[in-house]
């Protein structure tokens, strides 16, 4: 394991607070800041995380999906066992729709497209992942260009992870030559250092409410 990966063992938690986007008796939807784990890490220094903060106010809150430490945006947190079960089934069936926004290096040649590349754990650089045709699991990302900024040669893109592999969006964008700005794991040094944070934000989530059965869509704006 390299020195860079060793440094990942301790992930300092931001002082920035989470924000509640939606709340009822069954669930919470919150906007997670960047540089905050969703659940506690293995290292004792990584106990401060989104769920521990939320449970101070909502003791029944539970985790049904996660965002990476570096990724900001929408996280759905059921408040009851019934809601947890119902939402878990929706995630397993892939009926919950999620959209992300990212700013990536360079100008994409197509206004929209798909990235279909298999992803596998990288045994030589754990806990990272890699594109691997032999051992990787099928992974599909759809993208749509939102805006190109000539000043720093970067593109704002909307991303739909059809599958939900670990680090999927970061890997897929890097694999097609357009790594996400601020990505310290998969981008070249100049791109990794182009921002003080990973420019990846979970923008939209759409799901069936576990109690009402109605389709609910929530979104949060992008700051980059």
C-alpha atoms as a PDB file:
ATOM      1  CA  UNK A   1       0.000   0.000   0.000  1.00  0.00           C
ATOM      2  CA  UNK A   2       1.355   3.406  -0.982  1.00  0.00           C
ATOM      3  CA  UNK A   3       1.851   6.346   1.351  1.00  0.00           C
ATOM      4  CA  UNK A   4      -1.078   8.107  -0.333  1.00  0.00           C
ATOM      5  CA  UNK A   5      -3.385   5.218   0.513  1.00  0.00           C
ATOM      6  CA  UNK A   6      -2.073   5.042   4.072  1.00  0.00           C
ATOM      7  CA  UNK A   7      -3.232   8.626   4.542  1.00  0.00           C
ATOM      8  CA  UNK A   8      -6.789   7.573   3.712  1.00  0.00           C
ATOM      9  CA  UNK A   9      -7.018   5.694   7.010  1.00  0.00           C
ATOM     10  CA  UNK A  10      -7.836   8.930   8.887  1.00  0.00           C
ATOM     11  CA  UNK A  11     -10.457  11.157   7.261  1.00  0.00           C
ATOM     12  CA  UNK A  12     -10.952  14.418   9.194  1.00  0.00           C
ATOM     13  CA  UNK A  13     -14.627  15.344   9.445  1.00  0.00           C
ATOM     14  CA  UNK A  14     -15.751  18.750   8.207  1.00  0.00           C
ATOM     15  CA  UNK A  15     -17.321  21.258  10.585  1.00  0.00           C
ATOM     16  CA  UNK A  16     -19.942  22.032   7.952  1.00  0.00           C
ATOM     17  CA  UNK A  17     -23.410  20.919   9.018  1.00  0.00           C
ATOM     18  CA  UNK A  18     -25.830  18.685   7.146  1.00  0.00           C
ATOM     19  CA  UNK A  19     -29.148  20.190   6.032  1.00  0.00           C
ATOM     20  CA  UNK A  20     -32.587  18.588   6.171  1.00  0.00           C
ATOM     21  CA  UNK A  21     -34.325  18.568   2.789  1.00  0.00           C
ATOM     22  CA  UNK A  22     -37.378  16.531   3.808  1.00  0.00           C
ATOM     23  CA  UNK A  23     -38.754  15.134   7.046  1.00  0.00           C
ATOM     24  CA  UNK A  24     -41.778  13.114   8.132  1.00  0.00           C
ATOM     25  CA  UNK A  25     -42.504  10.278  10.561  1.00  0.00           C
ATOM     26  CA  UNK A  26     -40.987   7.645   8.262  1.00  0.00           C
ATOM     27  CA  UNK A  27     -37.845   9.186   6.829  1.00  0.00           C
ATOM     28  CA  UNK A  28     -35.354  11.991   6.549  1.00  0.00           C
ATOM     29  CA  UNK A  29     -33.656  13.253   3.429  1.00  0.00           C
ATOM     30  CA  UNK A  30     -30.541  15.300   4.116  1.00  0.00           C
ATOM     31  CA  UNK A  31     -27.855  17.136   2.184  1.00  0.00           C
ATOM     32  CA  UNK A  32     -24.476  15.733   3.289  1.00  0.00           C
ATOM     33  CA  UNK A  33     -21.471  18.045   3.106  1.00  0.00           C
ATOM     34  CA  UNK A  34     -18.257  16.967   1.444  1.00  0.00           C
ATOM     35  CA  UNK A  35     -15.504  15.516   3.630  1.00  0.00           C
ATOM     36  CA  UNK A  36     -17.842  13.612   5.925  1.00  0.00           C
ATOM     37  CA  UNK A  37     -18.283   9.841   6.103  1.00  0.00           C
ATOM     38  CA  UNK A  38     -21.840   8.514   5.935  1.00  0.00           C
ATOM     39  CA  UNK A  39     -21.114   5.867   8.609  1.00  0.00           C
ATOM     40  CA  UNK A  40     -18.234   5.495  11.114  1.00  0.00           C
ATOM     41  CA  UNK A  41     -14.912   4.356   9.692  1.00  0.00           C
ATOM     42  CA  UNK A  42     -12.751   1.582  11.093  1.00  0.00           C
ATOM     43  CA  UNK A  43     -10.144   3.973  12.473  1.00  0.00           C
ATOM     44  CA  UNK A  44     -11.096   5.370  15.937  1.00  0.00           C
ATOM     45  CA  UNK A  45     -10.484   8.877  14.593  1.00  0.00           C
ATOM     46  CA  UNK A  46     -13.281   8.378  12.052  1.00  0.00           C
ATOM     47  CA  UNK A  47     -16.224   8.080  14.453  1.00  0.00           C
ATOM     48  CA  UNK A  48     -17.655  11.476  13.567  1.00  0.00           C
ATOM     49  CA  UNK A  49     -19.921  10.919  10.556  1.00  0.00           C
ATOM     50  CA  UNK A  50     -23.287  11.815   9.078  1.00  0.00           C
ATOM     51  CA  UNK A  51     -25.340   9.123  10.816  1.00  0.00           C
ATOM     52  CA  UNK A  52     -23.812   9.798  14.250  1.00  0.00           C
ATOM     53  CA  UNK A  53     -24.646  13.494  13.883  1.00  0.00           C
ATOM     54  CA  UNK A  54     -28.172  12.811  12.659  1.00  0.00           C
ATOM     55  CA  UNK A  55     -28.850  10.309  15.465  1.00  0.00           C
ATOM     56  CA  UNK A  56     -28.140  12.997  18.051  1.00  0.00           C
ATOM     57  CA  UNK A  57     -31.386  14.610  16.913  1.00  0.00           C
ATOM     58  CA  UNK A  58     -33.164  11.588  15.406  1.00  0.00           C
ATOM     59  CA  UNK A  59     -32.136   8.456  17.381  1.00  0.00           C
ATOM     60  CA  UNK A  60     -34.129   6.150  15.095  1.00  0.00           C
ATOM     61  CA  UNK A  61     -32.354   7.204  11.899  1.00  0.00           C
ATOM     62  CA  UNK A  62     -30.796   4.339   9.944  1.00  0.00           C
ATOM     63  CA  UNK A  63     -28.601   3.996   6.871  1.00  0.00           C
ATOM     64  CA  UNK A  64     -29.960   2.465   3.670  1.00  0.00           C
ATOM     65  CA  UNK A  65     -27.333   3.795   1.217  1.00  0.00           C
ATOM     66  CA  UNK A  66     -24.117   5.801   1.377  1.00  0.00           C
ATOM     67  CA  UNK A  67     -22.150   8.563  -0.269  1.00  0.00           C
ATOM     68  CA  UNK A  68     -18.354   8.606  -0.365  1.00  0.00           C
ATOM     69  CA  UNK A  69     -16.516  10.789   2.148  1.00  0.00           C
ATOM     70  CA  UNK A  70     -15.617  13.253  -0.628  1.00  0.00           C
ATOM     71  CA  UNK A  71     -19.051  13.340  -2.282  1.00  0.00           C
ATOM     72  CA  UNK A  72     -21.705  15.810  -1.164  1.00  0.00           C
ATOM     73  CA  UNK A  73     -25.448  15.713  -1.649  1.00  0.00           C
ATOM     74  CA  UNK A  74     -28.616  13.777  -0.989  1.00  0.00           C
ATOM     75  CA  UNK A  75     -28.758  10.909   1.507  1.00  0.00           C
ATOM     76  CA  UNK A  76     -31.986   9.091   2.362  1.00  0.00           C
ATOM     77  CA  UNK A  77     -32.313   8.006   6.018  1.00  0.00           C
ATOM     78  CA  UNK A  78     -35.304   5.860   7.109  1.00  0.00           C
ATOM     79  CA  UNK A  79     -36.579   6.442  10.634  1.00  0.00           C
ATOM     80  CA  UNK A  80     -38.471   3.168  11.166  1.00  0.00           C
ATOM     81  CA  UNK A  81     -37.856  -0.529  10.513  1.00  0.00           C
ATOM     82  CA  UNK A  82     -40.778  -0.587   8.083  1.00  0.00           C
ATOM     83  CA  UNK A  83     -39.338   2.307   6.096  1.00  0.00           C
ATOM     84  CA  UNK A  84     -35.877   0.721   6.134  1.00  0.00           C
ATOM     85  CA  UNK A  85     -37.255  -2.544   4.758  1.00  0.00           C
ATOM     86  CA  UNK A  86     -39.320  -0.861   2.054  1.00  0.00           C
ATOM     87  CA  UNK A  87     -36.517   1.403   0.889  1.00  0.00           C
ATOM     88  CA  UNK A  88     -33.948  -1.413   0.978  1.00  0.00           C
ATOM     89  CA  UNK A  89     -36.161  -3.401  -1.392  1.00  0.00           C
ATOM     90  CA  UNK A  90     -36.371  -0.424  -3.748  1.00  0.00           C
ATOM     91  CA  UNK A  91     -32.586  -0.037  -3.775  1.00  0.00           C
ATOM     92  CA  UNK A  92     -32.140  -3.768  -4.409  1.00  0.00           C
ATOM     93  CA  UNK A  93     -34.638  -3.635  -7.269  1.00  0.00           C
ATOM     94  CA  UNK A  94     -32.892  -0.519  -8.656  1.00  0.00           C
ATOM     95  CA  UNK A  95     -36.165   1.386  -8.770  1.00  0.00           C
ATOM     96  CA  UNK A  96     -34.736   4.358  -6.896  1.00  0.00           C
ATOM     97  CA  UNK A  97     -33.454   6.928  -9.369  1.00  0.00           C
ATOM     98  CA  UNK A  98     -30.425   9.062  -8.524  1.00  0.00           C
ATOM     99  CA  UNK A  99     -28.749  11.850 -10.466  1.00  0.00           C
ATOM    100  CA  UNK A 100     -25.370  13.432  -9.728  1.00  0.00           C
ATOM    101  CA  UNK A 101     -23.659  16.546 -11.000  1.00  0.00           C
ATOM    102  CA  UNK A 102     -19.905  16.692 -11.534  1.00  0.00           C
ATOM    103  CA  UNK A 103     -17.383  19.076 -13.016  1.00  0.00           C
ATOM    104  CA  UNK A 104     -14.857  17.170 -15.099  1.00  0.00           C
ATOM    105  CA  UNK A 105     -11.653  17.982 -16.921  1.00  0.00           C
ATOM    106  CA  UNK A 106     -11.816  18.828 -20.606  1.00  0.00           C
ATOM    107  CA  UNK A 107     -14.621  19.046 -23.149  1.00  0.00           C
ATOM    108  CA  UNK A 108     -16.645  15.912 -23.871  1.00  0.00           C
ATOM    109  CA  UNK A 109     -17.033  15.103 -27.564  1.00  0.00           C
ATOM    110  CA  UNK A 110     -20.684  14.023 -27.247  1.00  0.00           C
ATOM    111  CA  UNK A 111     -23.562  15.896 -25.606  1.00  0.00           C
ATOM    112  CA  UNK A 112     -24.790  12.662 -24.021  1.00  0.00           C
ATOM    113  CA  UNK A 113     -23.768   9.030 -23.847  1.00  0.00           C
ATOM    114  CA  UNK A 114     -23.122   5.911 -21.809  1.00  0.00           C
ATOM    115  CA  UNK A 115     -20.028   4.515 -20.095  1.00  0.00           C
ATOM    116  CA  UNK A 116     -20.245   0.732 -19.876  1.00  0.00           C
ATOM    117  CA  UNK A 117     -17.070  -0.537 -18.200  1.00  0.00           C
ATOM    118  CA  UNK A 118     -16.775  -3.345 -15.595  1.00  0.00           C
ATOM    119  CA  UNK A 119     -15.422  -2.497 -12.136  1.00  0.00           C
ATOM    120  CA  UNK A 120     -13.427  -4.689  -9.752  1.00  0.00           C
ATOM    121  CA  UNK A 121     -11.490  -4.191  -6.486  1.00  0.00           C
ATOM    122  CA  UNK A 122      -7.855  -3.243  -7.069  1.00  0.00           C
ATOM    123  CA  UNK A 123      -5.957  -5.858  -5.048  1.00  0.00           C
ATOM    124  CA  UNK A 124      -2.698  -3.919  -5.350  1.00  0.00           C
ATOM    125  CA  UNK A 125      -4.158  -0.587  -4.202  1.00  0.00           C
ATOM    126  CA  UNK A 126      -6.866  -1.381  -1.674  1.00  0.00           C
ATOM    127  CA  UNK A 127      -9.334   0.118  -0.929  1.00  0.00           C
ATOM    128  CA  UNK A 128      -9.392   1.436  -4.501  1.00  0.00           C
ATOM    129  CA  UNK A 129     -11.145  -0.068  -7.507  1.00  0.00           C
ATOM    130  CA  UNK A 130     -10.251  -0.468 -11.171  1.00  0.00           C
ATOM    131  CA  UNK A 131     -11.704  -1.090 -14.604  1.00  0.00           C
ATOM    132  CA  UNK A 132     -11.173  -4.783 -15.374  1.00  0.00           C
ATOM    133  CA  UNK A 133     -12.677  -6.738 -18.261  1.00  0.00           C
ATOM    134  CA  UNK A 134     -11.749 -10.090 -16.672  1.00  0.00           C
ATOM    135  CA  UNK A 135     -12.962  -9.800 -13.082  1.00  0.00           C
ATOM    136  CA  UNK A 136     -15.078  -6.644 -13.045  1.00  0.00           C
ATOM    137  CA  UNK A 137     -18.822  -6.510 -12.451  1.00  0.00           C
ATOM    138  CA  UNK A 138     -20.994  -4.883 -15.162  1.00  0.00           C
ATOM    139  CA  UNK A 139     -21.234  -1.142 -14.505  1.00  0.00           C
ATOM    140  CA  UNK A 140     -23.200   1.432 -16.463  1.00  0.00           C
ATOM    141  CA  UNK A 141     -23.249   5.221 -16.211  1.00  0.00           C
ATOM    142  CA  UNK A 142     -25.303   7.573 -18.369  1.00  0.00           C
ATOM    143  CA  UNK A 143     -24.141  11.171 -18.784  1.00  0.00           C
ATOM    144  CA  UNK A 144     -25.443  14.435 -20.198  1.00  0.00           C
ATOM    145  CA  UNK A 145     -23.409  17.595 -20.731  1.00  0.00           C
ATOM    146  CA  UNK A 146     -24.843  20.629 -18.944  1.00  0.00           C
ATOM    147  CA  UNK A 147     -22.251  23.298 -19.672  1.00  0.00           C
ATOM    148  CA  UNK A 148     -18.680  23.781 -20.900  1.00  0.00           C
ATOM    149  CA  UNK A 149     -16.405  26.370 -19.293  1.00  0.00           C
ATOM    150  CA  UNK A 150     -13.552  27.432 -21.570  1.00  0.00           C
ATOM    151  CA  UNK A 151     -11.794  29.408 -18.838  1.00  0.00           C
ATOM    152  CA  UNK A 152     -10.512  26.294 -17.088  1.00  0.00           C
ATOM    153  CA  UNK A 153     -11.402  23.783 -19.814  1.00  0.00           C
ATOM    154  CA  UNK A 154     -13.951  21.963 -17.676  1.00  0.00           C
ATOM    155  CA  UNK A 155     -17.420  20.529 -18.271  1.00  0.00           C
ATOM    156  CA  UNK A 156     -20.412  20.327 -15.962  1.00  0.00           C
ATOM    157  CA  UNK A 157     -22.150  16.986 -16.477  1.00  0.00           C
ATOM    158  CA  UNK A 158     -25.231  15.230 -15.151  1.00  0.00           C
ATOM    159  CA  UNK A 159     -24.575  11.600 -14.249  1.00  0.00           C
ATOM    160  CA  UNK A 160     -26.972   8.703 -13.785  1.00  0.00           C
ATOM    161  CA  UNK A 161     -25.416   5.602 -12.204  1.00  0.00           C
ATOM    162  CA  UNK A 162     -27.605   2.803 -13.551  1.00  0.00           C
ATOM    163  CA  UNK A 163     -25.581   0.386 -11.445  1.00  0.00           C
ATOM    164  CA  UNK A 164     -24.225   1.351  -8.029  1.00  0.00           C
ATOM    165  CA  UNK A 165     -20.640   0.130  -7.845  1.00  0.00           C
ATOM    166  CA  UNK A 166     -18.189   1.665  -5.392  1.00  0.00           C
ATOM    167  CA  UNK A 167     -16.397   4.661  -6.948  1.00  0.00           C
ATOM    168  CA  UNK A 168     -18.295   4.032 -10.189  1.00  0.00           C
ATOM    169  CA  UNK A 169     -18.693   7.651 -11.304  1.00  0.00           C
ATOM    170  CA  UNK A 170     -15.115   8.582 -10.455  1.00  0.00           C
ATOM    171  CA  UNK A 171     -13.707   5.549 -12.257  1.00  0.00           C
ATOM    172  CA  UNK A 172     -15.909   5.834 -15.316  1.00  0.00           C
ATOM    173  CA  UNK A 173     -15.161   9.511 -15.909  1.00  0.00           C
ATOM    174  CA  UNK A 174     -11.433   8.961 -15.423  1.00  0.00           C
ATOM    175  CA  UNK A 175     -11.541   5.982 -17.799  1.00  0.00           C
ATOM    176  CA  UNK A 176     -12.884   8.076 -20.680  1.00  0.00           C
ATOM    177  CA  UNK A 177     -10.252  10.766 -20.126  1.00  0.00           C
ATOM    178  CA  UNK A 178     -12.397  13.264 -18.209  1.00  0.00           C
ATOM    179  CA  UNK A 179     -11.640  12.780 -14.504  1.00  0.00           C
ATOM    180  CA  UNK A 180     -13.650  14.682 -11.929  1.00  0.00           C
ATOM    181  CA  UNK A 181     -11.895  17.804 -10.659  1.00  0.00           C
ATOM    182  CA  UNK A 182     -10.516  17.370  -7.157  1.00  0.00           C
ATOM    183  CA  UNK A 183     -10.470  13.557  -7.369  1.00  0.00           C
ATOM    184  CA  UNK A 184      -7.446  12.560  -5.296  1.00  0.00           C
ATOM    185  CA  UNK A 185      -7.962   8.842  -5.983  1.00  0.00           C
ATOM    186  CA  UNK A 186      -8.251   8.462  -9.746  1.00  0.00           C
ATOM    187  CA  UNK A 187      -7.280  11.763 -11.393  1.00  0.00           C
ATOM    188  CA  UNK A 188      -3.785  12.927 -12.418  1.00  0.00           C
ATOM    189  CA  UNK A 189      -2.083  15.218  -9.901  1.00  0.00           C
ATOM    190  CA  UNK A 190      -2.940  18.434 -11.755  1.00  0.00           C
ATOM    191  CA  UNK A 191      -6.641  17.517 -11.972  1.00  0.00           C
ATOM    192  CA  UNK A 192      -6.737  16.270  -8.372  1.00  0.00           C
ATOM    193  CA  UNK A 193      -5.347  19.591  -7.220  1.00  0.00           C
ATOM    194  CA  UNK A 194      -7.635  21.689  -9.406  1.00  0.00           C
ATOM    195  CA  UNK A 195     -10.139  22.000  -6.552  1.00  0.00           C
ATOM    196  CA  UNK A 196     -10.022  21.883  -2.752  1.00  0.00           C
ATOM    197  CA  UNK A 197     -12.783  19.246  -2.872  1.00  0.00           C
ATOM    198  CA  UNK A 198     -14.149  16.541  -5.138  1.00  0.00           C
ATOM    199  CA  UNK A 199     -16.605  18.262  -7.481  1.00  0.00           C
ATOM    200  CA  UNK A 200     -19.247  15.544  -7.314  1.00  0.00           C
ATOM    201  CA  UNK A 201     -22.703  16.177  -5.830  1.00  0.00           C
ATOM    202  CA  UNK A 202     -25.730  13.892  -5.453  1.00  0.00           C
ATOM    203  CA  UNK A 203     -28.344  16.249  -6.851  1.00  0.00           C
ATOM    204  CA  UNK A 204     -31.636  14.370  -7.291  1.00  0.00           C
ATOM    205  CA  UNK A 205     -33.296  11.299  -5.785  1.00  0.00           C
ATOM    206  CA  UNK A 206     -36.665   9.817  -6.762  1.00  0.00           C
ATOM    207  CA  UNK A 207     -38.359   6.966  -4.900  1.00  0.00           C
ATOM    208  CA  UNK A 208     -41.716   5.628  -3.729  1.00  0.00           C
ATOM    209  CA  UNK A 209     -42.581   6.829  -0.241  1.00  0.00           C
ATOM    210  CA  UNK A 210     -42.652   3.774   2.079  1.00  0.00           C
ATOM    211  CA  UNK A 211     -45.912   4.863   3.781  1.00  0.00           C
ATOM    212  CA  UNK A 212     -47.941   6.794   1.204  1.00  0.00           C
ATOM    213  CA  UNK A 213     -46.883   4.851  -1.883  1.00  0.00           C
ATOM    214  CA  UNK A 214     -46.526   8.138  -3.769  1.00  0.00           C
ATOM    215  CA  UNK A 215     -43.562   8.970  -5.974  1.00  0.00           C
ATOM    216  CA  UNK A 216     -41.335  11.519  -4.226  1.00  0.00           C
ATOM    217  CA  UNK A 217     -38.574  13.502  -5.920  1.00  0.00           C
ATOM    218  CA  UNK A 218     -36.145  15.695  -4.004  1.00  0.00           C
ATOM    219  CA  UNK A 219     -33.235  17.775  -5.214  1.00  0.00           C
ATOM    220  CA  UNK A 220     -30.538  20.064  -3.927  1.00  0.00           C
ATOM    221  CA  UNK A 221     -28.554  22.690  -5.876  1.00  0.00           C
ATOM    222  CA  UNK A 222     -24.904  22.442  -6.864  1.00  0.00           C
ATOM    223  CA  UNK A 223     -22.413  24.941  -5.473  1.00  0.00           C
ATOM    224  CA  UNK A 224     -19.806  24.476  -8.209  1.00  0.00           C
END
